[in-house]
Amino acid sequence: MNFSRDMKNLKNRRKGKAGFTMSELLIVVAIVIVLFAVAVLSLVTIQKNLRQKELDSKAEILYVAAQNRMSELRAGGYESLYQYDENKVNGVAKVGLIPLDAPEEDAEDAITKDTLCYVVSADRVTVGKAAASVLPESSVDAELWNNHWVIEYDPESGSVYGAFYSEEEITSGDVSTTLPTYLNRMRVRQTRLHSGAKIGYYGGARVISGTTDTLKPDISIDNREKLTATFYCNNPYADELTFNIKVSDGQDEYVKVVKYSELRQLNSKTWYYTWVMDSLENEKTRFYNQTDHKLACGTDITVTLSVESQNANVDGKSYTRKTNSLFRYAEGTPAGTAIIAYGRHLQNLDEASHVFDTITRAVQVSDLSFADDTADNEDWYSFYGDTFTPITNKNLKSYDGYSEVDNVKLYSSISNLHITKAAQNGDAGLFSTFNGEIKNVTLTGMKIDGGQNVGALIGSVSDTVKITNTRVYLSSKKGDLADIEMML
């Protein structure tokens, strides 16, 4: 056995094993820290939700106990023990507001500002106070009874509306905010969570009625210089809602999920979300990019709002509206036709909007003005300024300024069009280039800055073009222009 040779081989093997470098160790440590932070945040969220659930369950115990007690008092003829006293000797106070989770104002069981009263745990051991009668010590576990609670009820019917519970003193923490106002916000579970899961709540109209309520979603669509969809839904009990928005072109679909934190409150009963689905402000705001390139642009689309409530007593429901992603929507429009009613519709004929190649014909159904209308803060000029990009679209074969809607014949005009950005090839006009027919179009007050090949209608003609009954005037006015120079 050669001991010295074996030791030498061992040393050589050790030298061949490379250790971790300092940068590798730092990367590993950083990854471990990130994973630990994520785990801690998740654990904190879980703990907070469990804590809130525990508090709400304890509030439910108080609710049931108070309701049983008031039923006993009412059956025994002792309603006077919990009635409101104008002198407030018995500690009964008016809530003085309509709860967020109250039924609709026109419902049979509607709650007014004078309907509800409340008692607080601070009066539970004071002789002559209603709190001791509404929730006596023997009615619940001592731990619950000795902590802090508020019981809301209707003295007239002897029914409990809600119960709040906390292991800490229940206070708004702000002398300018009354206790009922503070607790009214606490009816929303998300608010209770955000406040640190310190207050439990059980009650509201859903508990009183014991019935299932239905959501009423709605969609409003404004298809003008921007395509704006506003999604509405009632929120019967102020629980968290989720808006699921689905947009379909008949072949493919795009789904947008709007969380409760993204919603806005219209009033105490209605929540909404506004989505500008198509705008010409930049590439990101175009319909093509906002729907992840999944839908055919310029075709009719179906927009569906499905709303889900966190409350199991509320049935989810959906609502559907139709529109067009780039152009005006009109039921019965022939396939492959774009309806032009606003400046955005006209500009969307350009390939930059990713207009679908099946759109080969455009019909203008109203006069278009690109001037600044000081009385309208939603006109073309207000959104996009004094600019227009020449239209380039090799698939478009026809543009017609004549339309007939409801037996009304209209020859439409385009006024005060100002082109400051020529097409990439330097051709500038309403169309940078065109192959097909343009008819029944009237241009007034046209202005073009720059461009290599310039024409009011078409910058450069490289193929067959037919122009019929089309006029271009230097004046921005429309009418008797016999003395004004005409350009074709």
Protein backbone atom coordinates (compact mmCIF):
# COMPACT_ATOMS: atom_id res chain seq x y z
CA MET A 1 0.00 0.00 0.00
CA ASN A 2 1.43 3.34 -1.06
CA PHE A 3 0.06 5.77 1.52
CA SER A 4 1.83 8.87 0.20
CA ARG A 5 0.52 8.27 -3.33
CA ASP A 6 -3.09 7.93 -2.08
CA MET A 7 -2.87 11.18 -0.14
CA LYS A 8 -1.54 12.98 -3.17
CA ASN A 9 -4.43 11.71 -5.30
CA LEU A 10 -6.93 12.82 -2.65
CA LYS A 11 -5.47 16.34 -2.63
CA ASN A 12 -5.67 16.50 -6.42
CA ARG A 13 -9.33 15.46 -6.40
CA ARG A 14 -10.13 18.18 -3.85
CA LYS A 15 -8.43 20.79 -5.97
CA GLY A 16 -10.63 19.79 -8.90
CA LYS A 17 -13.85 20.54 -7.01
CA ALA A 18 -14.73 24.20 -7.49
CA GLY A 19 -16.70 25.93 -4.68
CA PHE A 20 -19.41 28.61 -4.95
CA THR A 21 -18.31 32.07 -6.05
CA MET A 22 -19.38 35.14 -4.05
CA SER A 23 -21.83 36.26 -6.79
CA GLU A 24 -23.47 32.82 -6.84
CA LEU A 25 -23.89 32.88 -3.07
CA LEU A 26 -25.45 36.35 -3.25
CA ILE A 27 -27.92 35.20 -5.93
CA VAL A 28 -28.93 32.20 -3.84
CA VAL A 29 -29.37 34.40 -0.75
CA ALA A 30 -31.47 36.89 -2.76
CA ILE A 31 -33.73 34.11 -4.07
CA VAL A 32 -34.18 32.72 -0.56
CA ILE A 33 -35.09 36.21 0.75
CA VAL A 34 -37.68 36.74 -2.02
CA LEU A 35 -39.24 33.33 -1.44
CA PHE A 36 -39.34 33.98 2.29
CA ALA A 37 -41.00 37.37 1.77
CA VAL A 38 -43.66 35.85 -0.51
CA ALA A 39 -44.30 33.07 1.98
CA VAL A 40 -44.61 35.55 4.85
CA LEU A 41 -47.05 37.77 2.91
CA SER A 42 -49.18 34.78 1.97
CA LEU A 43 -49.17 33.57 5.57
CA VAL A 44 -50.16 37.01 6.86
CA THR A 45 -53.05 37.18 4.37
CA ILE A 46 -54.27 33.72 5.36
CA GLN A 47 -54.04 34.55 9.05
CA LYS A 48 -55.94 37.81 8.57
CA ASN A 49 -58.74 36.08 6.64
CA LEU A 50 -59.02 33.36 9.29
CA ARG A 51 -59.09 36.02 12.00
CA GLN A 52 -61.85 37.90 10.20
CA LYS A 53 -63.86 34.74 9.77
CA GLU A 54 -63.54 34.02 13.49
CA LEU A 55 -64.70 37.52 14.44
CA ASP A 56 -67.66 37.37 12.04
CA SER A 57 -68.66 34.01 13.52
CA LYS A 58 -68.63 35.48 17.03
CA ALA A 59 -70.74 38.41 15.81
CA GLU A 60 -73.22 35.85 14.45
CA ILE A 61 -73.45 34.21 17.89
CA LEU A 62 -74.28 37.60 19.42
CA TYR A 63 -76.83 38.27 16.69
CA VAL A 64 -78.69 35.02 17.30
CA ALA A 65 -78.60 35.45 21.07
CA ALA A 66 -79.95 39.02 20.89
CA GLN A 67 -82.71 37.99 18.48
CA ASN A 68 -83.80 35.13 20.76
CA ARG A 69 -83.80 37.45 23.74
CA MET A 70 -85.87 40.15 22.00
CA SER A 71 -88.38 37.56 20.86
CA GLU A 72 -88.77 36.45 24.48
CA LEU A 73 -89.24 40.05 25.66
CA ARG A 74 -91.77 40.73 22.94
CA ALA A 75 -93.71 37.55 23.73
CA GLY A 76 -93.77 38.47 27.43
CA GLY A 77 -94.94 42.02 26.83
CA TYR A 78 -91.69 43.68 27.84
CA GLU A 79 -91.06 45.66 24.61
CA SER A 80 -90.64 48.83 26.68
CA LEU A 81 -87.24 47.59 27.87
CA TYR A 82 -85.65 48.15 24.47
CA GLN A 83 -87.72 51.03 23.07
CA TYR A 84 -86.07 54.32 22.12
CA ASP A 85 -86.20 56.95 24.84
CA GLU A 86 -86.09 60.59 23.75
CA ASN A 87 -84.19 61.39 26.95
CA LYS A 88 -81.73 58.54 26.24
CA VAL A 89 -81.94 57.38 29.82
CA ASN A 90 -81.94 53.70 28.85
CA GLY A 91 -78.91 54.04 26.53
CA VAL A 92 -80.84 53.35 23.31
CA ALA A 93 -79.55 55.52 20.45
CA LYS A 94 -80.67 56.06 16.87
CA VAL A 95 -78.44 54.69 14.11
CA GLY A 96 -79.53 57.74 12.09
CA LEU A 97 -78.53 56.44 8.65
CA ILE A 98 -79.47 53.84 6.06
CA PRO A 99 -77.12 50.83 6.24
CA LEU A 100 -75.02 50.03 3.18
CA ASP A 101 -76.51 46.55 3.08
CA ALA A 102 -80.12 47.71 3.51
CA PRO A 103 -82.78 46.68 0.98
CA GLU A 104 -83.74 48.96 -1.91
CA GLU A 105 -85.47 52.19 -0.90
CA ASP A 106 -88.72 51.18 -2.59
CA ALA A 107 -88.80 47.68 -1.03
CA GLU A 108 -91.53 46.67 1.41
CA ASP A 109 -88.98 46.27 4.20
CA ALA A 110 -87.15 49.52 3.38
CA ILE A 111 -85.14 51.04 6.19
CA THR A 112 -85.23 54.77 6.86
CA LYS A 113 -82.91 56.87 9.00
CA ASP A 114 -85.35 56.57 11.91
CA THR A 115 -85.88 52.81 11.69
CA LEU A 116 -82.92 51.37 13.57
CA CYS A 117 -81.60 51.84 17.09
CA TYR A 118 -78.55 50.39 18.81
CA VAL A 119 -77.11 49.54 22.21
CA VAL A 120 -73.45 49.18 23.20
CA SER A 121 -71.62 46.77 25.48
CA ALA A 122 -70.39 49.63 27.71
CA ASP A 123 -73.94 49.78 29.20
CA ARG A 124 -74.29 46.04 29.83
CA VAL A 125 -73.76 46.24 33.63
CA THR A 126 -75.62 49.50 34.23
CA VAL A 127 -79.04 49.17 35.86
CA GLY A 128 -81.84 50.53 33.70
CA LYS A 129 -79.88 50.34 30.44
CA ALA A 130 -81.40 48.47 27.50
CA ALA A 131 -78.13 46.70 26.67
CA ALA A 132 -78.54 44.41 29.68
CA SER A 133 -82.05 43.52 28.51
CA VAL A 134 -81.17 42.99 24.84
CA LEU A 135 -78.13 40.83 25.59
CA PRO A 136 -78.04 39.61 29.22
CA GLU A 137 -74.94 37.92 30.60
CA SER A 138 -76.55 34.50 30.62
CA SER A 139 -77.35 34.57 26.90
CA VAL A 140 -73.80 34.05 25.57
CA ASP A 141 -70.38 32.84 26.64
CA ALA A 142 -68.78 35.11 29.24
CA GLU A 143 -65.80 35.85 27.00
CA LEU A 144 -68.04 37.26 24.29
CA TRP A 145 -70.27 39.15 26.69
CA ASN A 146 -67.32 40.79 28.46
CA ASN A 147 -65.74 42.02 25.26
CA HIS A 148 -66.99 44.85 23.05
CA TRP A 149 -70.16 44.70 20.95
CA VAL A 150 -72.91 46.75 19.35
CA ILE A 151 -76.40 45.40 18.67
CA GLU A 152 -78.62 47.09 16.05
CA TYR A 153 -82.35 46.41 16.03
CA ASP A 154 -85.76 47.72 15.04
CA PRO A 155 -87.75 48.54 18.20
CA GLU A 156 -91.01 48.52 16.25
CA SER A 157 -90.74 44.94 15.00
CA GLY A 158 -88.43 43.60 17.68
CA SER A 159 -86.01 42.22 15.07
CA VAL A 160 -82.23 42.45 15.25
CA TYR A 161 -80.60 43.98 12.19
CA GLY A 162 -76.90 43.50 12.90
CA ALA A 163 -74.24 42.71 15.48
CA PHE A 164 -70.67 43.99 15.68
CA TYR A 165 -68.02 42.33 17.83
CA SER A 166 -64.43 43.15 18.78
CA GLU A 167 -61.90 42.26 21.41
CA GLU A 168 -60.81 45.88 21.41
CA GLU A 169 -62.83 48.99 22.16
CA ILE A 170 -65.04 49.82 19.18
CA THR A 171 -64.34 53.41 18.24
CA SER A 172 -63.91 55.37 15.03
CA GLY A 173 -60.70 56.90 16.36
CA ASP A 174 -61.85 60.25 15.00
CA VAL A 175 -64.00 62.67 16.97
CA SER A 176 -65.50 63.95 13.72
CA THR A 177 -66.83 60.49 12.78
CA THR A 178 -69.80 59.10 14.68
CA LEU A 179 -69.90 55.47 15.75
CA PRO A 180 -72.82 54.59 13.39
CA THR A 181 -70.96 56.14 10.43
CA TYR A 182 -67.80 54.23 11.25
CA LEU A 183 -69.66 50.93 11.72
CA ASN A 184 -71.55 51.47 8.47
CA ARG A 185 -68.26 51.19 6.61
CA MET A 186 -67.42 48.06 8.59
CA ARG A 187 -70.38 46.24 7.03
CA VAL A 188 -68.14 45.64 3.99
CA ARG A 189 -65.90 42.65 4.65
CA GLN A 190 -63.04 44.04 2.57
CA THR A 191 -63.08 47.20 4.69
CA ARG A 192 -62.93 45.13 7.86
CA LEU A 193 -59.95 43.23 6.48
CA HIS A 194 -58.15 46.42 5.45
CA SER A 195 -58.75 47.80 8.93
CA GLY A 196 -56.72 44.94 10.40
CA ALA A 197 -59.42 42.29 10.97
CA LYS A 198 -60.36 43.75 14.34
CA ILE A 199 -64.15 43.91 14.05
CA GLY A 200 -66.62 41.14 13.24
CA TYR A 201 -70.03 41.77 11.67
CA TYR A 202 -73.11 39.70 11.03
CA GLY A 203 -76.49 40.91 9.85
CA GLY A 204 -78.03 43.06 7.18
CA ALA A 205 -81.05 42.68 4.95
CA ARG A 206 -79.93 39.28 3.65
CA VAL A 207 -80.12 37.82 7.16
CA ILE A 208 -83.53 39.35 7.85
CA SER A 209 -85.10 38.21 4.59
CA GLY A 210 -83.28 34.89 4.29
CA THR A 211 -83.86 35.07 0.53
CA THR A 212 -81.53 35.03 -2.44
CA ASP A 213 -81.01 38.32 -4.24
CA THR A 214 -80.06 38.82 -7.88
CA LEU A 215 -77.46 41.11 -9.41
CA LYS A 216 -78.51 43.44 -12.22
CA PRO A 217 -75.51 44.08 -14.50
CA ASP A 218 -75.70 46.65 -17.30
CA ILE A 219 -73.43 47.99 -20.04
CA SER A 220 -73.34 51.46 -21.58
CA ILE A 221 -71.33 51.88 -24.80
CA ASP A 222 -70.22 55.22 -26.26
CA ASN A 223 -68.93 54.62 -29.80
CA ARG A 224 -67.73 58.04 -30.94
CA GLU A 225 -64.26 59.58 -30.96
CA LYS A 226 -63.38 56.90 -28.44
CA LEU A 227 -64.97 53.51 -27.91
CA THR A 228 -65.86 53.59 -24.23
CA ALA A 229 -67.76 50.87 -22.40
CA THR A 230 -68.99 51.44 -18.85
CA PHE A 231 -70.03 48.38 -16.87
CA TYR A 232 -72.51 48.76 -14.00
CA CYS A 233 -73.92 46.45 -11.35
CA ASN A 234 -75.95 46.83 -8.21
CA ASN A 235 -74.37 45.57 -5.00
CA PRO A 236 -77.26 44.49 -2.73
CA TYR A 237 -75.25 43.84 0.41
CA ALA A 238 -71.98 45.70 -0.15
CA ASP A 239 -70.08 42.43 -0.62
CA GLU A 240 -67.10 42.11 -2.95
CA LEU A 241 -67.99 41.87 -6.65
CA THR A 242 -65.91 40.58 -9.55
CA PHE A 243 -66.58 41.83 -13.09
CA ASN A 244 -65.76 39.30 -15.82
CA ILE A 245 -65.80 41.04 -19.21
CA LYS A 246 -65.78 38.90 -22.34
CA VAL A 247 -65.34 40.38 -25.84
CA SER A 248 -66.04 38.10 -28.80
CA ASP A 249 -65.85 38.62 -32.57
CA GLY A 250 -67.78 35.41 -33.26
CA GLN A 251 -64.65 33.34 -33.69
CA ASP A 252 -62.28 34.24 -30.87
CA GLU A 253 -62.69 35.94 -27.51
CA TYR A 254 -60.77 38.08 -25.05
CA VAL A 255 -61.51 38.00 -21.31
CA LYS A 256 -60.79 40.82 -18.88
CA VAL A 257 -61.22 40.20 -15.14
CA VAL A 258 -61.85 43.32 -13.04
CA LYS A 259 -61.28 42.87 -9.33
CA TYR A 260 -63.27 44.59 -6.59
CA SER A 261 -60.41 46.98 -5.84
CA GLU A 262 -60.59 48.30 -9.43
CA LEU A 263 -64.30 49.12 -9.29
CA ARG A 264 -65.67 52.56 -8.51
CA GLN A 265 -68.77 53.37 -6.48
CA LEU A 266 -71.48 55.36 -8.25
CA ASN A 267 -73.73 55.47 -5.20
CA SER A 268 -74.48 53.35 -2.14
CA LYS A 269 -76.05 50.65 -4.34
CA THR A 270 -74.14 50.71 -7.64
CA TRP A 271 -70.55 49.93 -8.64
CA TYR A 272 -69.03 50.50 -12.07
CA TYR A 273 -65.94 50.12 -14.24
CA THR A 274 -65.02 52.16 -17.32
CA TRP A 275 -62.92 50.71 -20.13
CA VAL A 276 -61.80 52.85 -23.08
CA MET A 277 -61.61 50.00 -25.55
CA ASP A 278 -60.33 51.95 -28.55
CA SER A 279 -58.57 55.30 -28.71
CA LEU A 280 -56.14 56.85 -31.19
CA GLU A 281 -53.93 58.46 -28.52
CA ASN A 282 -51.15 55.88 -28.94
CA GLU A 283 -50.55 52.29 -29.98
CA LYS A 284 -51.28 50.90 -26.52
CA THR A 285 -54.77 52.41 -26.46
CA ARG A 286 -55.88 50.88 -29.75
CA PHE A 287 -58.40 48.04 -29.68
CA TYR A 288 -55.90 45.67 -31.32
CA ASN A 289 -53.40 45.97 -28.47
CA GLN A 290 -55.93 46.19 -25.65
CA THR A 291 -57.32 42.79 -26.58
CA ASP A 292 -53.90 41.12 -26.96
CA HIS A 293 -54.20 40.85 -30.77
CA LYS A 294 -56.81 38.11 -30.36
CA LEU A 295 -59.79 39.65 -32.20
CA ALA A 296 -60.55 40.73 -35.76
CA CYS A 297 -60.51 44.54 -35.73
CA GLY A 298 -63.37 46.37 -37.43
CA THR A 299 -65.89 43.54 -37.17
CA ASP A 300 -68.96 43.58 -34.93
CA ILE A 301 -68.22 42.40 -31.40
CA THR A 302 -70.28 41.07 -28.53
CA VAL A 303 -69.45 42.47 -25.09
CA THR A 304 -70.66 40.43 -22.11
CA LEU A 305 -70.48 41.43 -18.46
CA SER A 306 -70.76 38.59 -15.94
CA VAL A 307 -70.79 39.61 -12.29
CA GLU A 308 -70.07 37.37 -9.33
CA SER A 309 -70.63 38.24 -5.67
CA GLN A 310 -68.66 36.93 -2.72
CA ASN A 311 -72.00 36.52 -0.98
CA ALA A 312 -73.51 33.06 -1.57
CA ASN A 313 -77.01 34.54 -1.16
CA VAL A 314 -76.59 36.60 -4.33
CA ASP A 315 -77.03 34.96 -7.72
CA GLY A 316 -74.52 35.90 -10.40
CA LYS A 317 -75.84 37.24 -13.68
CA SER A 318 -74.64 38.45 -17.08
CA TYR A 319 -75.61 41.12 -19.60
CA THR A 320 -74.65 41.49 -23.28
CA ARG A 321 -74.34 44.40 -25.71
CA LYS A 322 -73.10 44.60 -29.30
CA THR A 323 -70.94 47.22 -30.99
CA ASN A 324 -68.16 47.53 -33.55
CA SER A 325 -64.55 47.71 -32.45
CA LEU A 326 -63.39 50.36 -34.95
CA PHE A 327 -66.44 51.75 -36.68
CA ARG A 328 -70.07 52.64 -35.99
CA TYR A 329 -72.30 49.72 -35.12
CA ALA A 330 -75.51 49.32 -37.10
CA GLU A 331 -77.53 46.15 -37.00
CA GLY A 332 -77.86 44.57 -40.41
CA THR A 333 -74.72 46.17 -41.86
CA PRO A 334 -73.51 44.08 -44.82
CA ALA A 335 -70.42 42.00 -44.17
CA GLY A 336 -67.20 43.75 -45.19
CA THR A 337 -68.66 47.26 -44.79
CA ALA A 338 -67.38 49.91 -42.39
CA ILE A 339 -69.85 52.57 -41.24
CA ILE A 340 -68.20 55.99 -40.76
CA ALA A 341 -69.94 58.40 -38.37
CA TYR A 342 -67.03 60.02 -36.49
CA GLY A 343 -63.42 61.01 -37.14
CA ARG A 344 -62.12 57.96 -35.26
CA HIS A 345 -64.08 55.69 -37.57
CA LEU A 346 -62.52 57.40 -40.60
CA GLN A 347 -58.98 57.21 -39.20
CA ASN A 348 -59.47 53.55 -38.29
CA LEU A 349 -59.68 52.70 -42.00
CA ASP A 350 -55.89 53.01 -41.93
CA GLU A 351 -53.84 49.83 -41.63
CA ALA A 352 -52.36 51.13 -38.36
CA SER A 353 -55.59 50.10 -36.66
CA HIS A 354 -55.05 46.53 -37.91
CA VAL A 355 -58.42 46.69 -39.65
CA PHE A 356 -59.41 43.21 -40.81
CA ASP A 357 -58.70 42.52 -44.48
CA THR A 358 -62.34 41.56 -45.13
CA ILE A 359 -63.34 45.24 -44.76
CA THR A 360 -63.40 46.36 -48.41
CA ARG A 361 -66.10 49.06 -48.40
CA ALA A 362 -66.77 52.17 -46.29
CA VAL A 363 -69.95 54.24 -46.12
CA GLN A 364 -70.04 57.68 -44.47
CA VAL A 365 -73.37 58.35 -42.72
CA SER A 366 -72.83 61.82 -41.20
CA ASP A 367 -70.89 65.04 -41.71
CA LEU A 368 -67.42 64.97 -40.16
CA SER A 369 -65.74 68.09 -38.77
CA PHE A 370 -62.16 68.18 -37.54
CA ALA A 371 -62.34 71.77 -36.34
CA ASP A 372 -62.25 72.72 -32.65
CA ASP A 373 -65.81 72.79 -31.35
CA THR A 374 -65.48 74.79 -28.13
CA ALA A 375 -68.92 73.63 -27.00
CA ASP A 376 -67.96 69.96 -27.22
CA ASN A 377 -65.12 68.62 -25.06
CA GLU A 378 -65.43 65.15 -26.62
CA ASP A 379 -65.00 66.07 -30.28
CA TRP A 380 -62.07 64.96 -32.45
CA TYR A 381 -60.05 68.09 -31.72
CA SER A 382 -60.40 67.74 -27.94
CA PHE A 383 -58.95 64.23 -28.00
CA TYR A 384 -56.47 64.24 -30.88
CA GLY A 385 -55.80 67.86 -31.84
CA ASP A 386 -55.41 69.31 -35.29
CA THR A 387 -53.95 66.23 -36.98
CA PHE A 388 -54.95 63.40 -39.27
CA THR A 389 -52.82 60.66 -40.83
CA PRO A 390 -53.45 59.83 -44.52
CA ILE A 391 -55.29 56.53 -44.89
CA THR A 392 -53.36 53.59 -46.30
CA ASN A 393 -55.39 50.45 -46.90
CA LYS A 394 -54.77 48.22 -49.90
CA ASN A 395 -57.90 46.17 -49.17
CA LEU A 396 -60.34 49.11 -49.29
CA LYS A 397 -62.00 49.24 -52.72
CA SER A 398 -64.89 51.65 -52.17
CA TYR A 399 -65.60 54.82 -50.18
CA ASP A 400 -69.10 56.29 -50.46
CA GLY A 401 -70.31 59.54 -48.90
CA TYR A 402 -73.94 58.79 -49.70
CA SER A 403 -76.18 56.95 -47.27
CA GLU A 404 -79.86 56.36 -46.79
CA VAL A 405 -81.06 55.76 -43.22
CA ASP A 406 -84.75 55.59 -42.31
CA ASN A 407 -85.62 56.82 -45.81
CA VAL A 408 -83.47 59.93 -45.29
CA LYS A 409 -80.94 60.51 -48.08
CA LEU A 410 -77.69 62.14 -47.02
CA TYR A 411 -74.62 63.29 -48.93
CA SER A 412 -71.99 63.70 -46.23
CA SER A 413 -69.08 66.13 -46.07
CA ILE A 414 -65.65 66.16 -44.44
CA SER A 415 -64.58 69.60 -43.25
CA ASN A 416 -61.42 71.22 -41.83
CA LEU A 417 -59.30 68.11 -42.26
CA HIS A 418 -55.70 69.00 -41.43
CA ILE A 419 -52.95 66.60 -42.43
CA THR A 420 -49.58 67.25 -40.80
CA LYS A 421 -48.09 63.79 -41.08
CA ALA A 422 -47.53 62.33 -44.53
CA ALA A 423 -47.51 58.60 -45.15
CA GLN A 424 -44.19 56.75 -45.02
CA ASN A 425 -43.82 57.02 -48.78
CA GLY A 426 -44.47 60.77 -48.65
CA ASP A 427 -47.95 60.60 -50.22
CA ALA A 428 -50.45 62.90 -48.51
CA GLY A 429 -54.20 63.32 -48.89
CA LEU A 430 -57.34 61.89 -47.38
CA PHE A 431 -55.92 58.64 -48.76
CA SER A 432 -52.18 58.29 -49.27
CA THR A 433 -52.95 55.93 -52.14
CA PHE A 434 -56.15 54.27 -53.31
CA ASN A 435 -57.26 51.49 -55.65
CA GLY A 436 -61.01 51.48 -56.28
CA GLU A 437 -63.91 53.93 -56.31
CA ILE A 438 -64.54 57.13 -54.35
CA LYS A 439 -67.97 58.65 -54.78
CA ASN A 440 -70.36 61.21 -53.28
CA VAL A 441 -67.62 62.81 -51.14
CA THR A 442 -67.38 66.52 -50.36
CA LEU A 443 -64.19 67.94 -48.80
CA THR A 444 -64.10 71.52 -47.50
CA GLY A 445 -61.34 73.48 -45.83
CA MET A 446 -58.71 70.83 -46.55
CA LYS A 447 -55.17 71.64 -45.37
CA ILE A 448 -52.03 69.55 -45.97
CA ASP A 449 -48.58 70.27 -44.55
CA GLY A 450 -45.66 68.52 -46.20
CA GLY A 451 -45.73 65.38 -48.30
CA GLN A 452 -44.04 64.52 -51.58
CA ASN A 453 -47.11 63.62 -53.66
CA VAL A 454 -50.08 65.66 -52.49
CA GLY A 455 -53.74 65.57 -53.43
CA ALA A 456 -56.84 66.45 -51.45
CA LEU A 457 -58.43 63.03 -52.02
CA ILE A 458 -55.44 60.88 -52.95
CA GLY A 459 -51.75 61.59 -52.62
CA SER A 460 -50.58 59.15 -55.27
CA VAL A 461 -52.50 57.02 -57.77
CA SER A 462 -50.75 53.89 -58.94
CA ASP A 463 -53.70 51.80 -60.10
CA THR A 464 -57.28 52.11 -61.31
CA VAL A 465 -59.26 54.80 -59.48
CA LYS A 466 -62.80 55.92 -60.24
CA ILE A 467 -64.03 59.22 -58.77
CA THR A 468 -67.75 60.03 -59.04
CA ASN A 469 -69.78 63.04 -57.81
CA THR A 470 -66.93 64.21 -55.58
CA ARG A 471 -66.05 67.84 -54.77
CA VAL A 472 -63.15 69.50 -52.96
CA TYR A 473 -63.40 73.16 -51.89
CA LEU A 474 -60.77 75.48 -50.49
CA SER A 475 -63.36 77.16 -48.31
CA SER A 476 -64.26 75.57 -44.99
CA LYS A 477 -67.91 76.43 -45.58
CA LYS A 478 -70.45 74.24 -47.31
CA GLY A 479 -73.20 75.64 -49.52
CA ASP A 480 -73.19 77.83 -52.62
CA LEU A 481 -69.52 77.77 -53.52
CA ALA A 482 -69.82 78.73 -57.16
CA ASP A 483 -67.15 81.44 -56.84
CA ILE A 484 -64.73 79.26 -54.87
CA GLU A 485 -61.97 77.45 -56.72
CA MET A 486 -62.63 73.71 -57.06
CA MET A 487 -59.94 71.06 -57.07
CA LEU A 488 -60.32 67.44 -58.20
